Amino acid sequence: MLGLDTLASLLIFGVLLSLEYALVALGVTIIFGLMKLINFAHGEIFMLGGYIQYYFLLWTGLNPLVALPVSFLAGLAIGSAIERALIRPTYTTSLSKAGEYAVIITFGLSLFLQNFALFGFGYEYRSPPALWPVTITVGTLSISGDVVLTSVMAAVSIIAVLLFIERTWAGLSMKAVAQNLVGAQMAGIRPAWTNVGFALGAGLATIAGALLAHTYLVYPYDGVLPVLTAFTVVVLGGLGSIKGTLIASFIVGMAYSFLGALVSFSYVNIYGLVILLIVLVVRPQGLFGQKERTF
């Protein structure tokens, strides 16, 4: 039996972990919900966010929190450039197999960015300065200030994105394009809002990479495990469902926390996949997925 202090500690750790997962997965969900494609380079864009954070702080010596908007804006620029150069043909030209094209092109981009990081930044692990150099003790759990502040900033970023999508004209235009492209065009909404959605997804990836760099270090392959967890969360919640992504993030985060303590933390990356397989057997479209997916 777990004591009350241990239960409270695991619950807090699970919440913090869930918020981090949600931030990484939200970008994947937005891009899929808008364009119906999986960006296999999402992990590498996440990795670039960590390097941007590290080198910006190295060169400027500013407070780490000041660098976060820089990482986000860089992600917007990177995402916009990728969409214009590589993704736009999937919805502006008559490609016979647009989905297959998107898979191949984003997978190729993933390999390119990994090798770019290897040759450009080297194999070394890099660590930006601490966001909040303290240790917080809750019951039997000791949590670094970086983990706490990262989770708080993740929550703020998620809320800001949800408000942007639901309360602004730009966000509603993105939803309209995602739900019915032809109808949106008839209403005078340009398909170019797809570019904004892809850029926003990339911006979320870079700010997630920048935040988690302070806890998990930066190296050329540091986006592999986070994006695998993000894909697990997105499929579990239902492809294209923001609500599903947020709920699935907490399911996976809590499972990692409690099963890690009860079973073993050595297999922590397997627990989410096991939950995903169980859910898909019962509900193949995920918890909140629909046959006709919407943003």
Protein backbone atom coordinates (compact mmCIF):
# COMPACT_ATOMS: atom_id res chain seq x y z
CA MET A 1 0.00 0.00 0.00
CA LEU A 2 1.16 3.49 -0.81
CA GLY A 3 1.00 6.08 1.96
CA LEU A 4 -0.85 9.35 1.55
CA ASP A 5 2.41 11.28 1.18
CA THR A 6 3.56 8.94 -1.57
CA LEU A 7 0.19 9.13 -3.36
CA ALA A 8 0.25 12.92 -3.23
CA SER A 9 3.82 12.98 -4.51
CA LEU A 10 3.02 10.66 -7.42
CA LEU A 11 -0.09 12.70 -8.25
CA ILE A 12 1.88 15.94 -8.37
CA PHE A 13 4.64 14.38 -10.45
CA GLY A 14 2.02 12.91 -12.81
CA VAL A 15 0.39 16.31 -13.32
CA LEU A 16 3.72 17.98 -14.05
CA LEU A 17 4.66 15.24 -16.50
CA SER A 18 1.24 15.40 -18.17
CA LEU A 19 1.55 19.12 -18.85
CA GLU A 20 4.91 18.58 -20.54
CA TYR A 21 3.50 15.79 -22.71
CA ALA A 22 0.48 17.91 -23.62
CA LEU A 23 2.64 20.77 -24.86
CA VAL A 24 4.67 18.47 -27.13
CA ALA A 25 1.59 16.63 -28.43
CA LEU A 26 -0.54 19.73 -29.01
CA GLY A 27 1.57 20.81 -31.99
CA VAL A 28 1.12 17.38 -33.61
CA THR A 29 -2.64 17.58 -33.06
CA ILE A 30 -2.99 21.07 -34.52
CA ILE A 31 -1.09 20.13 -37.69
CA PHE A 32 -3.07 16.92 -38.15
CA GLY A 33 -6.38 18.58 -37.36
CA LEU A 34 -5.70 21.31 -39.92
CA MET A 35 -3.97 19.39 -42.70
CA LYS A 36 -4.71 15.71 -42.01
CA LEU A 37 -1.02 14.83 -42.05
CA ILE A 38 1.46 13.61 -39.46
CA ASN A 39 4.62 15.71 -39.30
CA PHE A 40 7.37 13.13 -38.79
CA ALA A 41 9.90 15.95 -38.38
CA HIS A 42 8.12 17.26 -35.28
CA GLY A 43 10.75 15.72 -32.98
CA GLU A 44 13.57 17.37 -34.89
CA ILE A 45 11.86 20.77 -34.72
CA PHE A 46 11.55 20.11 -30.98
CA MET A 47 15.31 19.43 -30.94
CA LEU A 48 16.05 22.69 -32.78
CA GLY A 49 14.11 24.56 -30.09
CA GLY A 50 16.52 23.21 -27.49
CA TYR A 51 19.55 24.31 -29.49
CA ILE A 52 18.05 27.76 -30.12
CA GLN A 53 17.49 28.15 -26.38
CA TYR A 54 21.00 26.98 -25.54
CA TYR A 55 22.92 29.12 -28.03
CA PHE A 56 20.79 32.22 -27.51
CA LEU A 57 21.53 32.09 -23.77
CA LEU A 58 25.20 31.29 -24.43
CA TRP A 59 25.63 34.31 -26.70
CA THR A 60 23.48 36.83 -24.83
CA GLY A 61 23.70 35.76 -21.18
CA LEU A 62 20.06 36.82 -20.67
CA ASN A 63 17.54 35.26 -18.29
CA PRO A 64 16.35 31.86 -19.67
CA LEU A 65 12.72 33.00 -19.56
CA VAL A 66 13.56 35.85 -21.93
CA ALA A 67 14.81 33.34 -24.51
CA LEU A 68 11.54 31.37 -24.64
CA PRO A 69 9.71 33.84 -26.93
CA VAL A 70 12.75 33.79 -29.21
CA SER A 71 12.51 29.99 -29.50
CA PHE A 72 8.79 30.22 -30.20
CA LEU A 73 9.20 32.88 -32.90
CA ALA A 74 12.02 30.87 -34.47
CA GLY A 75 9.69 27.85 -34.53
CA LEU A 76 7.00 29.90 -36.26
CA ALA A 77 9.51 30.94 -38.92
CA ILE A 78 10.83 27.38 -39.37
CA GLY A 79 7.31 25.95 -39.61
CA SER A 80 6.19 28.60 -42.09
CA ALA A 81 9.25 27.95 -44.28
CA ILE A 82 8.73 24.16 -44.22
CA GLU A 83 5.05 24.53 -45.09
CA ARG A 84 5.73 26.89 -47.99
CA ALA A 85 8.63 24.89 -49.42
CA LEU A 86 7.56 21.29 -48.83
CA ILE A 87 3.99 20.86 -47.58
CA ARG A 88 1.99 23.33 -49.68
CA PRO A 89 1.83 21.05 -52.76
CA THR A 90 -0.34 18.62 -50.75
CA TYR A 91 -3.30 20.99 -50.92
CA THR A 92 -2.55 23.41 -53.79
CA THR A 93 -1.72 20.90 -56.54
CA SER A 94 -3.39 17.78 -57.84
CA LEU A 95 -1.12 15.22 -56.24
CA SER A 96 -2.49 11.73 -56.73
CA LYS A 97 -1.14 10.56 -53.34
CA ALA A 98 -0.79 13.68 -51.21
CA GLY A 99 -0.77 11.72 -47.94
CA GLU A 100 2.07 9.46 -49.02
CA TYR A 101 3.99 12.50 -50.29
CA ALA A 102 3.65 14.21 -46.89
CA VAL A 103 4.87 11.11 -45.04
CA ILE A 104 7.94 10.73 -47.25
CA ILE A 105 8.82 14.43 -47.29
CA THR A 106 8.52 14.91 -43.50
CA PHE A 107 10.39 11.67 -42.79
CA GLY A 108 13.17 12.82 -45.13
CA LEU A 109 13.19 16.21 -43.40
CA SER A 110 13.54 14.43 -40.06
CA LEU A 111 16.66 12.60 -41.24
CA PHE A 112 18.08 15.78 -42.75
CA LEU A 113 17.63 17.79 -39.54
CA GLN A 114 19.17 15.03 -37.41
CA ASN A 115 22.27 14.94 -39.60
CA PHE A 116 22.34 18.74 -39.77
CA ALA A 117 22.44 18.83 -35.96
CA LEU A 118 25.14 16.15 -35.82
CA PHE A 119 27.44 18.01 -38.19
CA GLY A 120 26.51 21.51 -37.07
CA PHE A 121 26.34 21.09 -33.28
CA GLY A 122 28.30 17.90 -32.64
CA TYR A 123 27.57 14.83 -30.54
CA GLU A 124 28.01 16.52 -27.16
CA TYR A 125 25.20 16.85 -24.65
CA ARG A 126 24.52 20.50 -23.88
CA SER A 127 22.73 22.05 -20.93
CA PRO A 128 21.30 25.59 -20.77
CA PRO A 129 21.40 27.45 -17.43
CA ALA A 130 18.71 26.46 -14.93
CA LEU A 131 15.33 28.13 -15.22
CA TRP A 132 14.80 28.08 -11.45
CA PRO A 133 17.78 26.64 -9.50
CA VAL A 134 15.91 25.38 -6.43
CA THR A 135 14.61 22.03 -5.15
CA ILE A 136 11.03 21.77 -3.95
CA THR A 137 10.06 18.98 -1.53
CA VAL A 138 6.46 17.77 -1.35
CA GLY A 139 5.95 14.83 0.97
CA THR A 140 8.48 12.20 -0.10
CA LEU A 141 8.97 13.79 -3.53
CA SER A 142 11.76 16.24 -4.31
CA ILE A 143 11.22 18.17 -7.54
CA SER A 144 13.67 20.50 -9.21
CA GLY A 145 12.55 24.05 -9.82
CA ASP A 146 13.16 23.51 -13.54
CA VAL A 147 10.50 20.77 -13.69
CA VAL A 148 7.96 22.90 -11.82
CA LEU A 149 8.57 26.05 -13.87
CA THR A 150 8.62 24.08 -17.12
CA SER A 151 5.23 22.60 -16.29
CA VAL A 152 3.80 26.00 -15.34
CA MET A 153 5.07 27.52 -18.59
CA ALA A 154 3.66 24.54 -20.50
CA ALA A 155 0.24 25.15 -18.92
CA VAL A 156 0.41 28.87 -19.79
CA SER A 157 1.39 28.05 -23.39
CA ILE A 158 -1.45 25.53 -23.75
CA ILE A 159 -4.04 27.97 -22.40
CA ALA A 160 -2.74 30.72 -24.69
CA VAL A 161 -3.03 28.45 -27.75
CA LEU A 162 -6.56 27.34 -26.82
CA LEU A 163 -7.64 30.96 -26.38
CA PHE A 164 -6.05 31.85 -29.73
CA ILE A 165 -7.91 29.04 -31.51
CA GLU A 166 -11.28 29.59 -29.85
CA ARG A 167 -11.42 33.36 -29.34
CA THR A 168 -9.60 35.03 -32.24
CA TRP A 169 -10.58 35.52 -35.86
CA ALA A 170 -7.32 33.91 -36.99
CA GLY A 171 -7.93 30.83 -34.88
CA LEU A 172 -11.54 30.48 -36.02
CA SER A 173 -10.37 30.82 -39.62
CA MET A 174 -7.96 27.95 -39.07
CA LYS A 175 -10.80 25.84 -37.67
CA ALA A 176 -13.00 26.69 -40.64
CA VAL A 177 -10.31 25.64 -43.12
CA ALA A 178 -9.77 22.40 -41.18
CA GLN A 179 -13.46 21.51 -41.04
CA ASN A 180 -14.49 22.41 -44.58
CA LEU A 181 -11.96 23.88 -47.00
CA VAL A 182 -14.47 24.51 -49.79
CA GLY A 183 -17.00 26.07 -47.44
CA ALA A 184 -14.32 28.26 -45.90
CA GLN A 185 -13.25 29.48 -49.36
CA MET A 186 -16.87 30.31 -50.21
CA ALA A 187 -17.01 32.36 -47.00
CA GLY A 188 -13.93 34.31 -48.11
CA ILE A 189 -11.40 32.55 -45.88
CA ARG A 190 -8.13 31.85 -47.65
CA PRO A 191 -6.51 28.39 -47.52
CA ALA A 192 -3.28 30.23 -46.62
CA TRP A 193 -4.37 29.97 -42.97
CA THR A 194 -3.05 26.42 -43.25
CA ASN A 195 0.42 27.98 -43.21
CA VAL A 196 -0.37 29.68 -39.90
CA GLY A 197 -1.52 26.38 -38.39
CA PHE A 198 1.60 24.51 -39.45
CA ALA A 199 3.77 27.35 -38.17
CA LEU A 200 1.90 27.32 -34.84
CA GLY A 201 2.47 23.57 -34.50
CA ALA A 202 6.19 24.07 -35.15
CA GLY A 203 6.29 26.97 -32.67
CA LEU A 204 4.82 24.73 -29.97
CA ALA A 205 7.47 22.12 -30.77
CA THR A 206 10.35 24.60 -30.41
CA ILE A 207 9.06 26.14 -27.18
CA ALA A 208 8.57 22.62 -25.78
CA GLY A 209 12.13 21.76 -26.80
CA ALA A 210 13.42 24.99 -25.26
CA LEU A 211 11.63 24.35 -21.96
CA LEU A 212 12.59 20.68 -21.66
CA ALA A 213 16.20 21.41 -22.60
CA HIS A 214 16.72 22.68 -19.05
CA THR A 215 15.67 19.30 -17.64
CA TYR A 216 16.61 16.70 -20.26
CA LEU A 217 19.64 18.33 -21.97
CA VAL A 218 20.10 18.99 -25.70
CA TYR A 219 21.63 16.62 -28.27
CA PRO A 220 20.85 15.72 -31.91
CA TYR A 221 18.45 12.87 -31.06
CA ASP A 222 16.70 14.41 -28.06
CA GLY A 223 13.43 14.77 -29.96
CA VAL A 224 12.99 11.05 -30.63
CA LEU A 225 11.47 9.88 -27.32
CA PRO A 226 9.33 13.01 -26.69
CA VAL A 227 7.76 12.82 -30.14
CA LEU A 228 7.08 9.07 -29.78
CA THR A 229 5.24 9.85 -26.56
CA ALA A 230 3.45 12.71 -28.35
CA PHE A 231 2.28 10.38 -31.15
CA THR A 232 1.09 7.89 -28.53
CA VAL A 233 -0.90 10.65 -26.81
CA VAL A 234 -2.37 11.98 -30.07
CA VAL A 235 -3.51 8.55 -31.29
CA LEU A 236 -4.85 7.63 -27.85
CA GLY A 237 -6.87 10.84 -27.63
CA GLY A 238 -8.10 10.63 -31.22
CA LEU A 239 -6.33 12.10 -34.24
CA GLY A 240 -7.12 15.79 -34.62
CA SER A 241 -8.93 16.15 -31.27
CA ILE A 242 -7.44 18.83 -29.02
CA LYS A 243 -9.66 17.78 -26.12
CA GLY A 244 -8.60 14.18 -26.64
CA THR A 245 -4.94 15.14 -26.70
CA LEU A 246 -5.17 17.00 -23.39
CA ILE A 247 -7.05 14.18 -21.65
CA ALA A 248 -4.76 11.50 -23.10
CA SER A 249 -1.72 13.48 -21.91
CA PHE A 250 -2.97 13.20 -18.34
CA ILE A 251 -3.77 9.51 -18.74
CA VAL A 252 -0.25 8.78 -20.02
CA GLY A 253 1.41 11.11 -17.52
CA MET A 254 -0.38 9.55 -14.57
CA ALA A 255 0.32 6.05 -15.86
CA TYR A 256 4.03 6.83 -16.14
CA SER A 257 4.08 8.24 -12.62
CA PHE A 258 2.08 5.55 -10.80
CA LEU A 259 3.14 2.51 -12.82
CA GLY A 260 6.74 3.66 -12.62
CA ALA A 261 6.48 3.63 -8.83
CA LEU A 262 4.44 0.43 -8.57
CA VAL A 263 6.19 -1.61 -11.27
CA SER A 264 9.45 -0.10 -12.47
CA PHE A 265 10.69 3.16 -13.98
CA SER A 266 12.91 1.08 -16.27
CA TYR A 267 9.93 0.37 -18.52
CA VAL A 268 8.32 3.79 -18.29
CA ASN A 269 8.28 4.36 -22.07
CA ILE A 270 6.29 1.15 -22.61
CA TYR A 271 3.33 1.96 -20.35
CA GLY A 272 1.78 4.49 -22.73
CA LEU A 273 2.01 2.05 -25.64
CA VAL A 274 0.31 -0.68 -23.60
CA ILE A 275 -2.55 1.68 -22.71
CA LEU A 276 -2.79 2.73 -26.36
CA LEU A 277 -3.06 -0.87 -27.56
CA ILE A 278 -5.78 -1.65 -25.00
CA VAL A 279 -7.82 1.42 -25.99
CA LEU A 280 -7.42 0.80 -29.73
CA VAL A 281 -8.75 -2.75 -29.38
CA VAL A 282 -11.96 -1.34 -27.86
CA ARG A 283 -12.12 1.96 -29.76
CA PRO A 284 -9.91 2.05 -32.89
CA GLN A 285 -10.45 5.78 -33.50
CA GLY A 286 -9.10 6.70 -30.06
CA LEU A 287 -10.94 8.14 -27.08
CA PHE A 288 -12.36 11.19 -28.86
CA GLY A 289 -11.63 10.39 -32.50
CA GLN A 290 -14.38 10.47 -35.10
CA LYS A 291 -14.79 8.81 -38.47
CA GLU A 292 -14.96 12.29 -39.97
CA ARG A 293 -12.17 14.04 -38.11
CA THR A 294 -12.39 17.71 -37.25
CA PHE A 295 -9.98 20.27 -35.82
